[in-house]
Protein backbone atom coordinates (compact mmCIF):
# COMPACT_ATOMS: atom_id res chain seq x y z
CA UNK A 1 17.27 69.64 -58.42
CA UNK A 2 16.02 72.30 -56.06
CA UNK A 3 14.87 75.88 -56.74
CA UNK A 4 18.13 77.33 -55.27
CA UNK A 5 20.33 75.35 -57.65
CA UNK A 6 18.15 76.26 -60.66
CA UNK A 7 18.30 79.94 -59.66
CA UNK A 8 22.10 79.75 -59.34
CA UNK A 9 22.33 78.25 -62.81
CA UNK A 10 20.15 80.92 -64.33
CA UNK A 11 22.10 83.65 -62.58
CA UNK A 12 25.34 82.23 -63.90
CA UNK A 13 24.01 82.35 -67.44
CA UNK A 14 22.49 85.87 -67.09
CA UNK A 15 25.56 87.36 -68.81
CA UNK A 16 26.17 87.43 -72.53
CA UNK A 17 29.79 86.50 -72.04
CA UNK A 18 29.02 83.53 -69.74
CA UNK A 19 26.30 82.32 -72.08
CA UNK A 20 28.70 82.49 -75.02
CA UNK A 21 31.39 80.66 -73.05
CA UNK A 22 29.03 77.90 -72.01
CA UNK A 23 27.68 77.48 -75.54
CA UNK A 24 31.21 77.36 -76.95
CA UNK A 25 32.17 74.61 -74.42
CA UNK A 26 29.00 72.66 -75.27
CA UNK A 27 30.12 72.67 -78.96
CA UNK A 28 33.55 71.39 -77.99
CA UNK A 29 32.07 68.48 -75.94
CA UNK A 30 34.45 66.36 -73.91
CA UNK A 31 37.51 67.94 -75.55
CA UNK A 32 36.78 71.28 -73.91
CA UNK A 33 39.11 74.18 -74.27
CA UNK A 34 41.91 75.89 -72.32
CA UNK A 35 41.25 79.47 -71.18
CA UNK A 36 43.45 80.97 -73.91
CA UNK A 37 41.47 79.14 -76.60
CA UNK A 38 38.19 80.40 -75.13
CA UNK A 39 39.52 83.97 -74.97
CA UNK A 40 40.66 83.86 -78.57
CA UNK A 41 37.48 82.23 -79.91
CA UNK A 42 35.29 84.82 -78.20
CA UNK A 43 37.66 87.76 -78.44
CA UNK A 44 37.60 88.34 -74.66
CA UNK A 45 40.50 89.67 -72.65
CA UNK A 46 42.00 86.95 -70.40
CA UNK A 47 41.50 89.05 -67.29
CA UNK A 48 37.79 89.46 -68.07
CA UNK A 49 37.37 85.81 -68.99
CA UNK A 50 38.78 84.61 -65.66
CA UNK A 51 35.96 86.30 -63.79
CA UNK A 52 33.33 84.63 -65.98
CA UNK A 53 34.93 81.18 -65.80
CA UNK A 54 34.93 81.43 -62.01
CA UNK A 55 31.25 82.26 -61.95
CA UNK A 56 30.36 79.39 -64.26
CA UNK A 57 32.54 77.02 -62.24
CA UNK A 58 30.98 78.15 -58.96
CA UNK A 59 27.51 77.41 -60.34
CA UNK A 60 28.62 73.95 -61.49
CA UNK A 61 28.03 74.79 -65.18
CA UNK A 62 31.60 73.98 -66.12
CA UNK A 63 34.42 71.92 -64.72
CA UNK A 64 38.13 72.47 -65.01
CA UNK A 65 41.14 70.11 -64.97
CA UNK A 66 44.79 70.98 -64.67
CA UNK A 67 46.83 70.10 -67.76
CA UNK A 68 50.42 71.19 -67.14
CA UNK A 69 50.37 74.96 -66.94
CA UNK A 70 46.82 75.21 -68.28
CA UNK A 71 43.28 74.66 -67.03
CA UNK A 72 41.01 72.78 -69.47
CA UNK A 73 37.29 73.74 -69.16
CA UNK A 74 34.36 71.58 -70.10
CA UNK A 75 30.60 72.16 -70.02
CA UNK A 76 28.70 70.19 -67.42
CA UNK A 77 26.11 68.72 -69.83
CA UNK A 78 24.44 66.46 -67.25
CA UNK A 79 23.61 69.47 -65.09
CA UNK A 80 21.84 71.28 -67.91
CA UNK A 81 19.92 68.09 -68.73
CA UNK A 82 18.87 67.93 -65.05
CA UNK A 83 17.75 71.55 -65.26
CA UNK A 84 15.62 70.86 -68.32
CA UNK A 85 14.07 67.85 -66.56
CA UNK A 86 13.41 69.96 -63.52
CA UNK A 87 11.74 72.67 -65.58
CA UNK A 88 9.51 70.23 -67.43
CA UNK A 89 8.85 67.65 -64.72
CA UNK A 90 5.24 68.70 -64.27
CA UNK A 91 4.55 69.54 -67.90
CA UNK A 92 0.81 69.45 -68.67
CA UNK A 93 -0.01 68.48 -65.12
CA UNK A 94 2.14 65.33 -65.27
CA UNK A 95 0.95 64.28 -68.77
CA UNK A 96 3.79 65.23 -71.07
CA UNK A 97 2.06 63.56 -74.02
CA UNK A 98 -0.43 66.46 -73.97
CA UNK A 99 2.27 69.11 -74.16
CA UNK A 100 2.80 71.22 -77.22
CA UNK A 101 5.84 70.25 -79.25
CA UNK A 102 7.85 72.43 -81.63
CA UNK A 103 6.25 70.61 -84.55
CA UNK A 104 2.78 71.55 -83.23
CA UNK A 105 3.73 75.21 -83.45
CA UNK A 106 4.70 75.13 -87.16
């Protein structure tokens, strides 16, 4: 992953609505949801949701597949895993065993 791609991902998630949409789709896994289900679950008007789905799709955070009259949306989990790996690749100067873990903080 390059800086530009990471920045695009962060920009796409820099909205409460888009973050909520992405987290909802992560919970649904491979089943995903159609736009109407997302709108209902998050109480978002369909016209507003369309804008946010387009931004997430453009960033590669979600994918969509045509199912009859509907688009089914799914979270791109491998991309977020790549982002986490990118962010932590040089943890503790390349010695991740020296990094602080959540358990160390408790």
